[in-house]
Amino acid sequence: MRHNGTKKLETDRLLLRRIYKEDAIEIYNGFINQERFLYYLNKEKRTLEEEISSLEMIDEKNKNEDYYNWVITLKDTGKIIGMIVLKVEEVNECVEATYAIDERYCNKGYMSETLKRVIKYAFEELLVNRFQTCCVVSNEASRKVMEKCGMGLEGLLRSYVILKDGYHDTYMYSIVREDLE
């Protein structure tokens, strides 16, 4: 596995780029405080100051070559519509993706387009052997995204995440290098 950091990635309609602290106001006024986002990531609403502080920390971490945290932007306008993060498990040459999209941009194929591009980057540039992601059983939209991207259901992780209303079962999806050969 090798590290390249949060490089700009493009698709037909999207530009994925690193997060900058200057993005705080747009993110704060966009998806970050939407109920769906707060629920699935088990977060509380943030103040603008908290968001700025959080993005300053992410901005600093993004300077490291082993840190991967993108904002998803519309290529034609530059509008931030979501984010995707990779957590690295170096010893197993594996990354796990977590993602979120502004609910106003759901069901338009943006998340599938994003995940496909990040999967390609992970296998071709980072040389991972395994790419995985999880979703709460009730999150049917996320399951469809993973399946559209060629990921296979591996199993059910019982009481794997805790959200505001208690523990939830989670599905684990993955794709491995062998699947691509």
N, C-alpha and C. Protein backbone atom coordinates (compact mmCIF):
# COMPACT_ATOMS: atom_id res chain seq x y z
N MET A 1 0.85 -1.18 0.00
CA MET A 1 0.00 0.00 0.00
C MET A 1 0.90 1.23 0.00
N ARG A 2 0.50 2.22 -0.78
CA ARG A 2 1.25 3.48 -0.77
C ARG A 2 0.26 4.62 -0.52
N HIS A 3 0.80 5.74 -0.11
CA HIS A 3 -0.04 6.89 0.21
C HIS A 3 0.22 8.05 -0.72
N ASN A 4 -0.86 8.68 -1.16
CA ASN A 4 -0.79 9.84 -2.04
C ASN A 4 -1.53 11.04 -1.48
N GLY A 5 -2.22 10.87 -0.39
CA GLY A 5 -2.98 11.97 0.20
C GLY A 5 -4.27 12.26 -0.54
N THR A 6 -4.92 13.30 -0.12
CA THR A 6 -6.22 13.69 -0.68
C THR A 6 -5.99 14.47 -1.97
N LYS A 7 -5.82 13.75 -3.05
CA LYS A 7 -5.61 14.36 -4.38
C LYS A 7 -6.96 14.72 -5.00
N LYS A 8 -6.94 15.70 -5.90
CA LYS A 8 -8.15 16.03 -6.65
C LYS A 8 -8.53 14.84 -7.52
N LEU A 9 -9.82 14.49 -7.48
CA LEU A 9 -10.35 13.43 -8.32
C LEU A 9 -11.53 14.00 -9.09
N GLU A 10 -11.68 13.59 -10.34
CA GLU A 10 -12.77 14.09 -11.17
C GLU A 10 -13.61 12.95 -11.71
N THR A 11 -14.89 13.26 -11.92
CA THR A 11 -15.80 12.39 -12.64
C THR A 11 -16.43 13.27 -13.72
N ASP A 12 -17.39 12.74 -14.44
CA ASP A 12 -18.04 13.55 -15.47
C ASP A 12 -18.68 14.81 -14.90
N ARG A 13 -19.31 14.68 -13.73
CA ARG A 13 -20.07 15.81 -13.18
C ARG A 13 -19.51 16.40 -11.90
N LEU A 14 -18.52 15.74 -11.32
CA LEU A 14 -18.06 16.10 -9.98
C LEU A 14 -16.56 16.33 -9.90
N LEU A 15 -16.19 17.14 -8.93
CA LEU A 15 -14.79 17.31 -8.56
C LEU A 15 -14.71 17.00 -7.07
N LEU A 16 -13.84 16.07 -6.72
CA LEU A 16 -13.59 15.74 -5.32
C LEU A 16 -12.27 16.40 -4.97
N ARG A 17 -12.27 17.18 -3.92
CA ARG A 17 -11.06 17.89 -3.53
C ARG A 17 -10.94 17.90 -2.02
N ARG A 18 -9.76 18.25 -1.54
CA ARG A 18 -9.56 18.31 -0.09
C ARG A 18 -10.41 19.43 0.51
N ILE A 19 -10.68 19.28 1.77
CA ILE A 19 -11.45 20.27 2.52
C ILE A 19 -10.51 21.35 3.02
N TYR A 20 -10.97 22.58 2.92
CA TYR A 20 -10.23 23.72 3.46
C TYR A 20 -11.08 24.39 4.53
N LYS A 21 -10.42 25.01 5.49
CA LYS A 21 -11.17 25.70 6.54
C LYS A 21 -12.08 26.78 5.96
N GLU A 22 -11.73 27.30 4.80
CA GLU A 22 -12.56 28.32 4.15
C GLU A 22 -13.90 27.76 3.67
N ASP A 23 -14.04 26.44 3.65
CA ASP A 23 -15.30 25.80 3.25
C ASP A 23 -16.33 25.78 4.37
N ALA A 24 -15.95 26.21 5.56
CA ALA A 24 -16.80 26.06 6.74
C ALA A 24 -18.19 26.66 6.57
N ILE A 25 -18.29 27.87 6.07
CA ILE A 25 -19.60 28.52 5.97
C ILE A 25 -20.50 27.77 4.99
N GLU A 26 -19.95 27.37 3.85
CA GLU A 26 -20.77 26.65 2.87
C GLU A 26 -21.21 25.30 3.42
N ILE A 27 -20.32 24.59 4.07
CA ILE A 27 -20.68 23.30 4.65
C ILE A 27 -21.69 23.49 5.78
N TYR A 28 -21.47 24.47 6.61
CA TYR A 28 -22.38 24.75 7.73
C TYR A 28 -23.78 25.07 7.22
N ASN A 29 -23.87 25.86 6.18
CA ASN A 29 -25.18 26.24 5.62
C ASN A 29 -25.76 25.17 4.70
N GLY A 30 -24.99 24.14 4.42
CA GLY A 30 -25.42 23.08 3.52
C GLY A 30 -25.88 21.85 4.27
N PHE A 31 -25.18 20.75 4.06
CA PHE A 31 -25.65 19.44 4.52
C PHE A 31 -25.30 19.10 5.95
N ILE A 32 -24.33 19.75 6.54
CA ILE A 32 -23.77 19.29 7.81
C ILE A 32 -24.78 19.27 8.95
N ASN A 33 -25.78 20.11 8.92
CA ASN A 33 -26.78 20.15 9.99
C ASN A 33 -28.13 19.57 9.58
N GLN A 34 -28.19 18.87 8.45
CA GLN A 34 -29.43 18.22 8.04
C GLN A 34 -29.68 17.02 8.96
N GLU A 35 -30.93 16.80 9.31
CA GLU A 35 -31.29 15.75 10.27
C GLU A 35 -30.77 14.37 9.86
N ARG A 36 -30.88 14.03 8.58
CA ARG A 36 -30.45 12.73 8.10
C ARG A 36 -28.95 12.55 8.34
N PHE A 37 -28.19 13.57 8.03
CA PHE A 37 -26.74 13.54 8.24
C PHE A 37 -26.42 13.37 9.72
N LEU A 38 -27.05 14.18 10.55
CA LEU A 38 -26.80 14.12 11.99
C LEU A 38 -27.18 12.77 12.57
N TYR A 39 -28.28 12.18 12.06
CA TYR A 39 -28.73 10.88 12.57
C TYR A 39 -27.72 9.78 12.24
N TYR A 40 -27.38 9.64 10.96
CA TYR A 40 -26.53 8.52 10.55
C TYR A 40 -25.10 8.64 11.05
N LEU A 41 -24.63 9.84 11.29
CA LEU A 41 -23.27 9.99 11.81
C LEU A 41 -23.27 10.24 13.32
N ASN A 42 -24.46 10.13 13.93
CA ASN A 42 -24.61 10.27 15.37
C ASN A 42 -23.97 11.56 15.89
N LYS A 43 -24.32 12.64 15.23
CA LYS A 43 -23.76 13.95 15.57
C LYS A 43 -24.85 14.87 16.11
N GLU A 44 -24.42 15.89 16.81
CA GLU A 44 -25.31 16.96 17.25
C GLU A 44 -25.08 18.15 16.33
N LYS A 45 -26.08 19.03 16.25
CA LYS A 45 -25.90 20.25 15.45
C LYS A 45 -24.72 21.02 15.99
N ARG A 46 -23.95 21.59 15.06
CA ARG A 46 -22.78 22.37 15.43
C ARG A 46 -23.05 23.85 15.23
N THR A 47 -22.32 24.63 15.98
CA THR A 47 -22.33 26.07 15.72
C THR A 47 -21.34 26.32 14.59
N LEU A 48 -21.40 27.49 14.01
CA LEU A 48 -20.45 27.84 12.96
C LEU A 48 -19.02 27.80 13.50
N GLU A 49 -18.83 28.25 14.71
CA GLU A 49 -17.49 28.23 15.32
C GLU A 49 -16.97 26.80 15.46
N GLU A 50 -17.85 25.88 15.87
CA GLU A 50 -17.44 24.47 15.99
C GLU A 50 -17.09 23.89 14.63
N GLU A 51 -17.86 24.27 13.61
CA GLU A 51 -17.58 23.78 12.26
C GLU A 51 -16.25 24.31 11.76
N ILE A 52 -15.98 25.58 12.00
CA ILE A 52 -14.69 26.17 11.60
C ILE A 52 -13.55 25.44 12.29
N SER A 53 -13.69 25.19 13.58
CA SER A 53 -12.65 24.49 14.34
C SER A 53 -12.44 23.08 13.80
N SER A 54 -13.52 22.38 13.50
CA SER A 54 -13.44 21.03 12.95
C SER A 54 -12.72 21.03 11.60
N LEU A 55 -13.07 21.98 10.75
CA LEU A 55 -12.46 22.03 9.42
C LEU A 55 -11.01 22.48 9.48
N GLU A 56 -10.64 23.28 10.46
CA GLU A 56 -9.23 23.64 10.63
C GLU A 56 -8.42 22.39 10.94
N MET A 57 -8.98 21.51 11.78
CA MET A 57 -8.30 20.27 12.13
C MET A 57 -8.19 19.35 10.90
N ILE A 58 -9.28 19.23 10.14
CA ILE A 58 -9.27 18.41 8.93
C ILE A 58 -8.30 18.98 7.91
N ASP A 59 -8.31 20.30 7.74
CA ASP A 59 -7.41 20.98 6.82
C ASP A 59 -5.95 20.65 7.16
N GLU A 60 -5.64 20.66 8.44
CA GLU A 60 -4.28 20.34 8.88
C GLU A 60 -3.95 18.87 8.61
N LYS A 61 -4.87 17.96 8.93
CA LYS A 61 -4.65 16.53 8.70
C LYS A 61 -4.50 16.22 7.21
N ASN A 62 -5.22 16.97 6.37
CA ASN A 62 -5.17 16.73 4.92
C ASN A 62 -3.79 16.98 4.33
N LYS A 63 -2.91 17.58 5.09
CA LYS A 63 -1.53 17.79 4.63
C LYS A 63 -0.73 16.49 4.71
N ASN A 64 -1.23 15.52 5.46
CA ASN A 64 -0.56 14.22 5.59
C ASN A 64 -0.91 13.33 4.41
N GLU A 65 0.06 12.58 3.94
CA GLU A 65 -0.17 11.72 2.78
C GLU A 65 -1.00 10.49 3.10
N ASP A 66 -1.22 10.18 4.37
CA ASP A 66 -2.01 9.00 4.73
C ASP A 66 -3.40 9.38 5.25
N TYR A 67 -3.86 10.57 4.89
CA TYR A 67 -5.18 11.05 5.31
C TYR A 67 -5.99 11.37 4.07
N TYR A 68 -7.25 10.91 4.04
CA TYR A 68 -8.09 11.04 2.85
C TYR A 68 -9.47 11.55 3.24
N ASN A 69 -9.74 12.80 2.92
CA ASN A 69 -11.01 13.42 3.29
C ASN A 69 -11.36 14.44 2.22
N TRP A 70 -12.34 14.10 1.39
CA TRP A 70 -12.73 14.95 0.27
C TRP A 70 -14.08 15.61 0.50
N VAL A 71 -14.26 16.81 -0.07
CA VAL A 71 -15.59 17.35 -0.27
C VAL A 71 -15.97 16.99 -1.70
N ILE A 72 -17.25 16.75 -1.90
CA ILE A 72 -17.79 16.44 -3.22
C ILE A 72 -18.40 17.74 -3.74
N THR A 73 -17.92 18.20 -4.89
CA THR A 73 -18.43 19.45 -5.45
C THR A 73 -18.96 19.21 -6.86
N LEU A 74 -19.96 20.00 -7.23
CA LEU A 74 -20.46 19.98 -8.60
C LEU A 74 -19.41 20.65 -9.48
N LYS A 75 -19.01 19.97 -10.53
CA LYS A 75 -17.95 20.47 -11.39
C LYS A 75 -18.32 21.81 -12.03
N ASP A 76 -19.57 21.96 -12.43
CA ASP A 76 -19.95 23.17 -13.17
C ASP A 76 -20.13 24.41 -12.29
N THR A 77 -20.42 24.22 -10.99
CA THR A 77 -20.65 25.38 -10.12
C THR A 77 -19.69 25.47 -8.94
N GLY A 78 -19.05 24.36 -8.59
CA GLY A 78 -18.17 24.33 -7.42
C GLY A 78 -18.92 24.15 -6.11
N LYS A 79 -20.24 24.01 -6.16
CA LYS A 79 -21.05 23.86 -4.95
C LYS A 79 -20.70 22.56 -4.23
N ILE A 80 -20.50 22.66 -2.92
CA ILE A 80 -20.22 21.49 -2.09
C ILE A 80 -21.53 20.77 -1.80
N ILE A 81 -21.59 19.47 -2.16
CA ILE A 81 -22.82 18.71 -1.95
C ILE A 81 -22.64 17.51 -1.01
N GLY A 82 -21.41 17.25 -0.57
CA GLY A 82 -21.21 16.12 0.32
C GLY A 82 -19.75 15.94 0.66
N MET A 83 -19.47 14.80 1.28
CA MET A 83 -18.09 14.48 1.62
C MET A 83 -17.90 12.97 1.66
N ILE A 84 -16.64 12.57 1.51
CA ILE A 84 -16.28 11.16 1.60
C ILE A 84 -14.91 11.07 2.27
N VAL A 85 -14.78 10.12 3.19
CA VAL A 85 -13.57 9.95 3.98
C VAL A 85 -13.12 8.50 3.88
N LEU A 86 -11.82 8.29 3.79
CA LEU A 86 -11.26 6.94 3.85
C LEU A 86 -10.48 6.79 5.14
N LYS A 87 -10.77 5.72 5.86
CA LYS A 87 -10.00 5.35 7.05
C LYS A 87 -9.07 4.22 6.63
N VAL A 88 -7.79 4.39 6.89
CA VAL A 88 -6.77 3.45 6.44
C VAL A 88 -6.49 2.40 7.51
N GLU A 89 -6.45 1.15 7.08
CA GLU A 89 -6.01 0.05 7.93
C GLU A 89 -4.76 -0.52 7.26
N GLU A 90 -3.65 0.10 7.56
CA GLU A 90 -2.38 -0.15 6.87
C GLU A 90 -1.96 -1.62 6.86
N VAL A 91 -2.02 -2.27 8.00
CA VAL A 91 -1.50 -3.63 8.12
C VAL A 91 -2.23 -4.60 7.18
N ASN A 92 -3.50 -4.36 6.90
CA ASN A 92 -4.27 -5.24 6.02
C ASN A 92 -4.46 -4.68 4.62
N GLU A 93 -3.81 -3.56 4.32
CA GLU A 93 -3.93 -2.90 3.01
C GLU A 93 -5.41 -2.70 2.65
N CYS A 94 -6.11 -2.11 3.60
CA CYS A 94 -7.56 -1.94 3.50
C CYS A 94 -7.93 -0.50 3.82
N VAL A 95 -8.97 -0.01 3.14
CA VAL A 95 -9.55 1.29 3.50
C VAL A 95 -11.05 1.10 3.69
N GLU A 96 -11.60 1.91 4.58
CA GLU A 96 -13.04 1.91 4.80
C GLU A 96 -13.57 3.31 4.52
N ALA A 97 -14.60 3.38 3.69
CA ALA A 97 -15.18 4.66 3.30
C ALA A 97 -16.39 5.00 4.16
N THR A 98 -16.50 6.27 4.48
CA THR A 98 -17.69 6.84 5.10
C THR A 98 -18.08 8.03 4.23
N TYR A 99 -19.36 8.16 3.95
CA TYR A 99 -19.76 9.25 3.06
C TYR A 99 -21.11 9.82 3.46
N ALA A 100 -21.34 11.05 3.00
CA ALA A 100 -22.62 11.72 3.24
C ALA A 100 -22.86 12.69 2.10
N ILE A 101 -24.13 12.87 1.77
CA ILE A 101 -24.49 13.79 0.70
C ILE A 101 -25.67 14.65 1.14
N ASP A 102 -25.66 15.87 0.68
CA ASP A 102 -26.76 16.80 0.93
C ASP A 102 -28.05 16.15 0.43
N GLU A 103 -29.07 16.11 1.28
CA GLU A 103 -30.32 15.42 0.90
C GLU A 103 -30.97 16.02 -0.34
N ARG A 104 -30.65 17.26 -0.67
CA ARG A 104 -31.21 17.89 -1.87
C ARG A 104 -30.58 17.32 -3.15
N TYR A 105 -29.51 16.54 -3.00
CA TYR A 105 -28.82 15.97 -4.16
C TYR A 105 -28.88 14.45 -4.19
N CYS A 106 -29.72 13.87 -3.34
CA CYS A 106 -29.91 12.41 -3.33
C CYS A 106 -30.67 11.98 -4.59
N ASN A 107 -30.51 10.72 -4.95
CA ASN A 107 -31.23 10.09 -6.06
C ASN A 107 -30.91 10.73 -7.41
N LYS A 108 -29.70 11.25 -7.54
CA LYS A 108 -29.26 11.82 -8.81
C LYS A 108 -28.00 11.11 -9.31
N GLY A 109 -27.56 10.08 -8.58
CA GLY A 109 -26.39 9.32 -8.97
C GLY A 109 -25.06 9.90 -8.54
N TYR A 110 -25.07 11.01 -7.81
CA TYR A 110 -23.82 11.65 -7.41
C TYR A 110 -22.99 10.79 -6.46
N MET A 111 -23.65 10.12 -5.51
CA MET A 111 -22.88 9.34 -4.55
C MET A 111 -22.28 8.10 -5.20
N SER A 112 -23.02 7.46 -6.11
CA SER A 112 -22.47 6.31 -6.83
C SER A 112 -21.28 6.73 -7.67
N GLU A 113 -21.41 7.87 -8.33
CA GLU A 113 -20.32 8.41 -9.16
C GLU A 113 -19.08 8.68 -8.29
N THR A 114 -19.31 9.24 -7.12
CA THR A 114 -18.22 9.54 -6.19
C THR A 114 -17.55 8.26 -5.71
N LEU A 115 -18.35 7.32 -5.23
CA LEU A 115 -17.79 6.10 -4.66
C LEU A 115 -17.03 5.30 -5.71
N LYS A 116 -17.55 5.22 -6.92
CA LYS A 116 -16.83 4.52 -8.00
C LYS A 116 -15.46 5.14 -8.23
N ARG A 117 -15.40 6.46 -8.23
CA ARG A 117 -14.13 7.14 -8.48
C ARG A 117 -13.15 6.92 -7.34
N VAL A 118 -13.63 6.95 -6.11
CA VAL A 118 -12.75 6.74 -4.95
C VAL A 118 -12.28 5.28 -4.89
N ILE A 119 -13.14 4.34 -5.25
CA ILE A 119 -12.73 2.93 -5.32
C ILE A 119 -11.60 2.78 -6.34
N LYS A 120 -11.77 3.38 -7.50
CA LYS A 120 -10.74 3.33 -8.56
C LYS A 120 -9.42 3.90 -8.03
N TYR A 121 -9.48 5.05 -7.38
CA TYR A 121 -8.29 5.69 -6.81
C TYR A 121 -7.63 4.77 -5.78
N ALA A 122 -8.42 4.16 -4.92
CA ALA A 122 -7.87 3.31 -3.86
C ALA A 122 -7.13 2.11 -4.44
N PHE A 123 -7.70 1.47 -5.46
CA PHE A 123 -7.04 0.29 -6.03
C PHE A 123 -5.88 0.66 -6.94
N GLU A 124 -6.04 1.68 -7.76
CA GLU A 124 -5.00 2.01 -8.74
C GLU A 124 -3.87 2.85 -8.17
N GLU A 125 -4.18 3.76 -7.27
CA GLU A 125 -3.15 4.68 -6.76
C GLU A 125 -2.63 4.29 -5.38
N LEU A 126 -3.51 3.87 -4.50
CA LEU A 126 -3.10 3.51 -3.15
C LEU A 126 -2.69 2.05 -3.05
N LEU A 127 -3.05 1.28 -4.06
CA LEU A 127 -2.72 -0.14 -4.15
C LEU A 127 -3.29 -0.95 -2.98
N VAL A 128 -4.51 -0.62 -2.58
CA VAL A 128 -5.15 -1.39 -1.51
C VAL A 128 -5.55 -2.77 -2.03
N ASN A 129 -5.73 -3.68 -1.12
CA ASN A 129 -6.24 -5.00 -1.47
C ASN A 129 -7.74 -5.09 -1.20
N ARG A 130 -8.22 -4.24 -0.29
CA ARG A 130 -9.63 -4.33 0.12
C ARG A 130 -10.19 -2.93 0.33
N PHE A 131 -11.42 -2.74 -0.15
CA PHE A 131 -12.15 -1.49 0.04
C PHE A 131 -13.48 -1.88 0.66
N GLN A 132 -13.83 -1.29 1.80
CA GLN A 132 -15.06 -1.68 2.48
C GLN A 132 -15.82 -0.46 2.96
N THR A 133 -17.09 -0.67 3.21
CA THR A 133 -17.93 0.35 3.82
C THR A 133 -19.13 -0.33 4.46
N CYS A 134 -19.71 0.35 5.42
CA CYS A 134 -20.85 -0.19 6.16
C CYS A 134 -22.03 0.77 6.04
N CYS A 135 -23.21 0.24 6.28
CA CYS A 135 -24.38 1.10 6.40
C CYS A 135 -25.37 0.45 7.36
N VAL A 136 -26.10 1.30 8.05
CA VAL A 136 -27.16 0.83 8.93
C VAL A 136 -28.19 0.09 8.07
N VAL A 137 -28.71 -0.99 8.58
CA VAL A 137 -29.65 -1.84 7.83
C VAL A 137 -30.79 -1.03 7.21
N SER A 138 -31.28 -0.03 7.91
CA SER A 138 -32.41 0.76 7.41
C SER A 138 -32.03 1.74 6.29
N ASN A 139 -30.74 1.91 6.02
CA ASN A 139 -30.30 2.88 5.01
C ASN A 139 -30.24 2.23 3.63
N GLU A 140 -31.40 2.02 3.06
CA GLU A 140 -31.54 1.35 1.76
C GLU A 140 -30.81 2.11 0.65
N ALA A 141 -30.83 3.43 0.69
CA ALA A 141 -30.17 4.23 -0.35
C ALA A 141 -28.67 3.96 -0.37
N SER A 142 -28.06 3.86 0.78
CA SER A 142 -26.62 3.60 0.85
C SER A 142 -26.30 2.19 0.35
N ARG A 143 -27.15 1.23 0.67
CA ARG A 143 -26.95 -0.14 0.16
C ARG A 143 -26.96 -0.14 -1.36
N LYS A 144 -27.90 0.59 -1.96
CA LYS A 144 -27.98 0.65 -3.42
C LYS A 144 -26.73 1.27 -4.02
N VAL A 145 -26.21 2.31 -3.37
CA VAL A 145 -24.97 2.94 -3.85
C VAL A 145 -23.85 1.91 -3.88
N MET A 146 -23.66 1.18 -2.79
CA MET A 146 -22.58 0.20 -2.71
C MET A 146 -22.74 -0.89 -3.76
N GLU A 147 -23.95 -1.36 -3.95
CA GLU A 147 -24.20 -2.41 -4.94
C GLU A 147 -23.95 -1.90 -6.36
N LYS A 148 -24.35 -0.65 -6.66
CA LYS A 148 -24.09 -0.06 -7.98
C LYS A 148 -22.59 0.04 -8.26
N CYS A 149 -21.82 0.14 -7.20
CA CYS A 149 -20.37 0.29 -7.35
C CYS A 149 -19.63 -1.05 -7.37
N GLY A 150 -20.38 -2.14 -7.43
CA GLY A 150 -19.77 -3.45 -7.54
C GLY A 150 -19.36 -4.08 -6.22
N MET A 151 -19.77 -3.49 -5.13
CA MET A 151 -19.42 -4.04 -3.82
C MET A 151 -20.39 -5.15 -3.46
N GLY A 152 -19.87 -6.15 -2.78
CA GLY A 152 -20.70 -7.28 -2.38
C GLY A 152 -21.00 -7.26 -0.89
N LEU A 153 -22.19 -7.72 -0.56
CA LEU A 153 -22.59 -7.83 0.84
C LEU A 153 -21.83 -8.97 1.48
N GLU A 154 -21.14 -8.67 2.57
CA GLU A 154 -20.38 -9.70 3.29
C GLU A 154 -21.15 -10.25 4.47
N GLY A 155 -21.94 -9.40 5.09
CA GLY A 155 -22.68 -9.91 6.23
C GLY A 155 -23.26 -8.81 7.10
N LEU A 156 -23.86 -9.26 8.16
CA LEU A 156 -24.53 -8.39 9.12
C LEU A 156 -23.67 -8.26 10.36
N LEU A 157 -23.41 -7.03 10.78
CA LEU A 157 -22.69 -6.77 12.02
C LEU A 157 -23.75 -6.36 13.05
N ARG A 158 -24.00 -7.23 13.98
CA ARG A 158 -25.09 -7.00 14.94
C ARG A 158 -24.71 -5.94 15.96
N SER A 159 -25.66 -5.03 16.21
CA SER A 159 -25.47 -3.93 17.18
C SER A 159 -24.11 -3.26 17.00
N TYR A 160 -23.76 -2.97 15.77
CA TYR A 160 -22.42 -2.48 15.43
C TYR A 160 -22.24 -0.99 15.66
N VAL A 161 -23.31 -0.21 15.48
CA VAL A 161 -23.20 1.23 15.69
C VAL A 161 -24.28 1.70 16.66
N ILE A 162 -23.96 2.75 17.36
CA ILE A 162 -24.95 3.35 18.25
C ILE A 162 -25.32 4.71 17.66
N LEU A 163 -26.62 4.89 17.49
CA LEU A 163 -27.16 6.15 17.02
C LEU A 163 -28.01 6.75 18.14
N LYS A 164 -28.63 7.85 17.88
CA LYS A 164 -29.39 8.55 18.93
C LYS A 164 -30.48 7.69 19.55
N ASP A 165 -31.01 6.75 18.78
CA ASP A 165 -32.10 5.92 19.29
C ASP A 165 -31.66 4.51 19.68
N GLY A 166 -30.36 4.31 19.85
CA GLY A 166 -29.87 3.02 20.33
C GLY A 166 -28.95 2.32 19.35
N TYR A 167 -28.67 1.06 19.64
CA TYR A 167 -27.78 0.26 18.80
C TYR A 167 -28.49 -0.19 17.53
N HIS A 168 -27.72 -0.29 16.46
CA HIS A 168 -28.27 -0.70 15.17
C HIS A 168 -27.37 -1.73 14.51
N ASP A 169 -28.02 -2.67 13.83
CA ASP A 169 -27.29 -3.62 13.01
C ASP A 169 -26.81 -2.90 11.75
N THR A 170 -25.70 -3.38 11.22
CA THR A 170 -25.06 -2.75 10.07
C THR A 170 -24.68 -3.81 9.06
N TYR A 171 -24.83 -3.48 7.78
CA TYR A 171 -24.34 -4.35 6.72
C TYR A 171 -22.92 -3.95 6.35
N MET A 172 -22.07 -4.94 6.14
CA MET A 172 -20.71 -4.71 5.67
C MET A 172 -20.65 -5.08 4.19
N TYR A 173 -20.18 -4.16 3.37
CA TYR A 173 -19.96 -4.39 1.95
C TYR A 173 -18.49 -4.23 1.65
N SER A 174 -18.01 -4.97 0.64
CA SER A 174 -16.61 -4.81 0.26
C SER A 174 -16.40 -5.17 -1.20
N ILE A 175 -15.25 -4.76 -1.66
CA ILE A 175 -14.73 -5.20 -2.94
C ILE A 175 -13.23 -5.41 -2.72
N VAL A 176 -12.71 -6.51 -3.26
CA VAL A 176 -11.28 -6.80 -3.09
C VAL A 176 -10.61 -6.84 -4.46
N ARG A 177 -9.30 -6.69 -4.44
CA ARG A 177 -8.54 -6.65 -5.69
C ARG A 177 -8.88 -7.83 -6.60
N GLU A 178 -9.02 -9.00 -6.01
CA GLU A 178 -9.34 -10.21 -6.77
C GLU A 178 -10.63 -10.06 -7.58
N ASP A 179 -11.59 -9.29 -7.06
CA ASP A 179 -12.86 -9.06 -7.76
C ASP A 179 -12.66 -8.28 -9.05
N LEU A 180 -11.60 -7.51 -9.12
CA LEU A 180 -11.37 -6.62 -10.26
C LEU A 180 -10.52 -7.26 -11.35
N GLU A 181 -9.96 -8.42 -11.06
CA GLU A 181 -9.06 -9.08 -12.03
C GLU A 181 -9.80 -10.02 -12.94
